Amino acid sequence: MNKSTKTLKAEPPKKVRIIGGVWRSRLLTVLDLPGLRPTTDRIRETLFNWLGQDLTGLHCLDLFAGTGVLGFEAASRGAELVVLLEKDKKAHASLVSNFALLQSSPVSGEVGILHRDSLEYLKQQANHSSNLIFIDPPFQEQGLLDQTLIEAGRVCDDSSGGGIYVEFPSSRARDEIEALLPDWHCGKYLEAGQVKACLFRGRRG
């Protein structure tokens, strides 16, 4: 009696697409890593409607970059400088590979990809040295999110555009997050499934 055996095929790697700018519709590979949670198309579309489609001249930091989709999206839309930071070795290698594939259509700005701890890097940055900061850390590390937000409030200057964008778990209250940035206000806010997100703008005038 013949036994039939089923060959298990490896699932193809997941992909996420860039939705605007020079790299519009280009796909990025998403590794299956613990805590890696790419920002969805829907949320990114909303975010870049908030920010405006053209980010020309802005200096951006993509902390806890993961797939790099937020940073690459900013570069695709004309940002002058985008620095993506990722401390996981495999995720960093994937960022480098994804960027290499995007290089067939060069963007106008500079893109840097660093294998670094995001919070430590942020602490070393000068006051008001970046215009747009993306913060999407592992949700289970509440203290890491809090420290990073506090540092981002010092480093970010959004007077010419940008702001501080943060994603956090739906289990946390919005006012708890806002309290960490007393000199900023959550000008834009959304909830989508298990994720909440704020775009903070500086209080001026």
Protein backbone atom coordinates (compact mmCIF):
# COMPACT_ATOMS: atom_id res chain seq x y z
CA MET A 1 0.00 0.00 0.00
CA ASN A 2 1.52 3.25 -1.12
CA LYS A 3 1.60 6.10 1.33
CA SER A 4 1.13 9.50 -0.22
CA THR A 5 3.35 12.19 1.18
CA LYS A 6 2.64 15.86 0.95
CA THR A 7 5.58 18.13 0.22
CA LEU A 8 5.49 21.23 2.38
CA LYS A 9 6.43 24.27 0.39
CA ALA A 10 7.92 27.26 2.14
CA GLU A 11 5.55 30.21 2.09
CA PRO A 12 6.74 33.07 -0.10
CA PRO A 13 8.01 36.02 1.91
CA LYS A 14 5.39 38.63 2.73
CA LYS A 15 5.58 41.98 0.99
CA VAL A 16 4.55 45.53 1.77
CA ARG A 17 4.32 48.22 -0.89
CA ILE A 18 5.40 51.84 -0.97
CA ILE A 19 2.33 53.90 -1.80
CA GLY A 20 3.65 57.23 -3.09
CA GLY A 21 6.49 59.15 -4.72
CA VAL A 22 9.42 57.94 -6.83
CA TRP A 23 9.18 54.39 -5.44
CA ARG A 24 5.40 54.14 -5.67
CA SER A 25 4.18 50.52 -5.94
CA ARG A 26 7.65 49.08 -5.24
CA LEU A 27 7.56 46.10 -2.88
CA LEU A 28 9.60 45.52 0.28
CA THR A 29 10.22 42.07 1.75
CA VAL A 30 8.84 41.55 5.27
CA LEU A 31 10.74 39.04 7.41
CA ASP A 32 8.87 36.82 9.83
CA LEU A 33 10.46 38.13 13.02
CA PRO A 34 9.02 38.48 16.53
CA GLY A 35 7.55 41.94 17.07
CA LEU A 36 7.96 43.01 13.44
CA ARG A 37 4.71 44.74 12.57
CA PRO A 38 4.80 46.85 9.40
CA THR A 39 2.57 49.92 9.36
CA THR A 40 -0.42 49.00 7.18
CA ASP A 41 -1.23 50.61 3.84
CA ARG A 42 -4.34 52.19 5.33
CA ILE A 43 -2.48 53.82 8.21
CA ARG A 44 0.37 55.00 5.99
CA GLU A 45 -2.05 56.50 3.50
CA THR A 46 -3.66 58.45 6.33
CA LEU A 47 -0.28 59.48 7.78
CA PHE A 48 1.01 60.90 4.50
CA ASN A 49 -2.25 62.71 3.92
CA TRP A 50 -1.61 64.37 7.29
CA LEU A 51 2.02 65.16 6.45
CA GLY A 52 1.43 66.17 2.84
CA GLN A 53 2.60 64.19 -0.15
CA ASP A 54 5.78 66.23 -0.70
CA LEU A 55 8.40 66.05 2.07
CA THR A 56 11.11 67.97 0.19
CA GLY A 57 13.81 69.35 2.47
CA LEU A 58 12.87 67.43 5.61
CA HIS A 59 15.36 65.54 7.77
CA CYS A 60 13.73 62.32 9.01
CA LEU A 61 14.50 59.57 11.51
CA ASP A 62 12.82 56.16 11.22
CA LEU A 63 13.42 54.61 14.65
CA PHE A 64 12.88 50.86 15.15
CA ALA A 65 12.67 50.79 11.35
CA GLY A 66 11.72 47.11 10.88
CA THR A 67 10.84 46.84 7.19
CA GLY A 68 11.78 50.49 6.70
CA VAL A 69 8.47 51.22 5.01
CA LEU A 70 7.96 54.56 6.80
CA GLY A 71 11.49 55.80 6.14
CA PHE A 72 11.52 54.59 2.53
CA GLU A 73 8.10 56.19 2.02
CA ALA A 74 9.52 59.52 3.25
CA ALA A 75 12.56 59.21 0.97
CA SER A 76 10.29 58.34 -1.94
CA ARG A 77 8.39 61.59 -1.33
CA GLY A 78 11.43 63.86 -1.49
CA ALA A 79 12.86 64.02 2.06
CA GLU A 80 16.38 65.48 2.03
CA LEU A 81 17.75 63.02 4.58
CA VAL A 82 16.30 59.80 6.01
CA VAL A 83 18.13 57.75 8.63
CA LEU A 84 16.69 54.31 9.37
CA LEU A 85 17.76 52.59 12.59
CA GLU A 86 17.36 48.91 13.39
CA LYS A 87 19.25 46.91 16.02
CA ASP A 88 18.04 43.42 15.00
CA LYS A 89 20.75 41.93 12.79
CA LYS A 90 18.39 40.11 10.40
CA ALA A 91 16.00 43.04 10.08
CA HIS A 92 18.93 45.38 9.40
CA ALA A 93 20.26 43.07 6.66
CA SER A 94 16.78 43.00 5.11
CA LEU A 95 16.65 46.82 5.15
CA VAL A 96 19.95 46.95 3.27
CA SER A 97 18.68 44.40 0.72
CA ASN A 98 15.39 46.23 0.21
CA PHE A 99 17.21 49.53 -0.29
CA ALA A 100 19.57 47.96 -2.83
CA LEU A 101 16.58 46.89 -4.92
CA LEU A 102 15.06 50.38 -4.74
CA GLN A 103 18.27 51.95 -6.04
CA SER A 104 17.28 51.24 -9.64
CA SER A 105 15.16 54.40 -9.28
CA PRO A 106 17.31 56.83 -7.28
CA VAL A 107 15.68 59.44 -5.05
CA SER A 108 16.89 63.00 -4.65
CA GLY A 109 17.73 62.79 -0.94
CA GLU A 110 20.22 60.84 1.14
CA VAL A 111 19.27 57.57 2.85
CA GLY A 112 21.30 56.06 5.69
CA ILE A 113 20.67 52.64 7.25
CA LEU A 114 22.28 52.05 10.63
CA HIS A 115 22.61 48.90 12.73
CA ARG A 116 22.12 50.79 15.97
CA ASP A 117 19.99 51.01 19.09
CA SER A 118 17.39 53.67 18.28
CA LEU A 119 17.06 55.19 21.76
CA GLU A 120 20.82 55.43 22.30
CA TYR A 121 21.22 57.06 18.88
CA LEU A 122 18.43 59.53 19.61
CA LYS A 123 20.03 60.53 22.91
CA GLN A 124 23.19 61.49 21.00
CA GLN A 125 21.39 63.83 18.60
CA ALA A 126 21.46 67.60 18.95
CA ASN A 127 18.37 69.55 19.98
CA HIS A 128 16.03 70.37 17.08
CA SER A 129 18.18 68.45 14.56
CA SER A 130 15.40 66.49 12.81
CA ASN A 131 12.05 67.57 11.35
CA LEU A 132 10.13 64.29 11.21
CA ILE A 133 10.56 61.33 13.57
CA PHE A 134 8.77 57.99 13.14
CA ILE A 135 8.43 55.95 16.35
CA ASP A 136 7.02 52.43 16.13
CA PRO A 137 8.80 50.33 18.78
CA PRO A 138 7.95 46.81 19.96
CA PHE A 139 4.60 47.17 21.71
CA GLN A 140 5.59 44.99 24.67
CA GLU A 141 8.31 47.46 25.71
CA GLN A 142 6.31 50.30 27.26
CA GLY A 143 9.31 51.92 28.95
CA LEU A 144 11.21 52.04 25.66
CA LEU A 145 8.35 53.89 23.95
CA ASP A 146 8.09 56.40 26.79
CA GLN A 147 11.82 57.22 26.87
CA THR A 148 11.97 57.49 23.10
CA LEU A 149 9.04 59.92 22.96
CA ILE A 150 10.60 62.17 25.60
CA GLU A 151 13.89 62.29 23.66
CA ALA A 152 12.07 62.87 20.37
CA GLY A 153 10.42 65.98 21.84
CA ARG A 154 13.90 67.43 22.35
CA VAL A 155 15.34 66.41 18.99
CA CYS A 156 12.43 67.30 16.70
CA ASP A 157 11.84 70.73 15.14
CA ASP A 158 8.74 70.68 12.94
CA SER A 159 8.60 74.42 12.26
CA SER A 160 9.17 73.78 8.54
CA GLY A 161 6.97 70.66 8.41
CA GLY A 162 7.02 67.15 9.82
CA GLY A 163 6.33 66.27 13.45
CA ILE A 164 6.59 63.24 15.72
CA TYR A 165 4.61 60.22 14.57
CA VAL A 166 4.06 57.42 17.06
CA GLU A 167 2.20 54.12 16.99
CA PHE A 168 1.22 52.52 20.30
CA PRO A 169 -0.99 49.64 21.46
CA SER A 170 -4.72 50.21 21.79
CA SER A 171 -4.45 49.17 25.46
CA ARG A 172 -2.74 52.50 26.27
CA ALA A 173 -4.74 55.68 26.74
CA ARG A 174 -4.12 58.56 24.37
CA ASP A 175 -3.76 61.09 27.20
CA GLU A 176 -1.05 58.90 28.78
CA ILE A 177 0.99 59.23 25.59
CA GLU A 178 0.26 62.96 25.26
CA ALA A 179 1.49 63.56 28.81
CA LEU A 180 4.99 62.47 27.73
CA LEU A 181 5.20 65.40 25.27
CA PRO A 182 3.86 68.44 27.17
CA ASP A 183 5.29 70.92 24.63
CA TRP A 184 3.57 69.16 21.73
CA HIS A 185 -0.03 68.39 20.86
CA CYS A 186 -1.53 65.37 19.13
CA GLY A 187 -2.92 67.22 16.13
CA LYS A 188 -3.91 64.05 14.26
CA TYR A 189 -5.07 60.77 15.75
CA LEU A 190 -6.39 57.43 14.55
CA GLU A 191 -7.34 54.00 15.85
CA ALA A 192 -7.12 50.89 13.66
CA GLY A 193 -7.57 47.48 15.25
CA GLN A 194 -4.94 46.97 17.96
CA VAL A 195 -3.05 50.14 17.00
CA LYS A 196 -3.43 53.78 17.96
CA ALA A 197 -1.39 56.50 16.29
CA CYS A 198 -0.69 60.20 16.88
CA LEU A 199 1.06 62.83 14.81
CA PHE A 200 2.37 65.38 17.28
CA ARG A 201 2.98 68.97 16.27
CA GLY A 202 4.92 71.56 18.21
CA ARG A 203 2.98 74.10 20.27
CA ARG A 204 3.76 77.53 18.84
CA GLY A 205 2.39 81.02 19.24
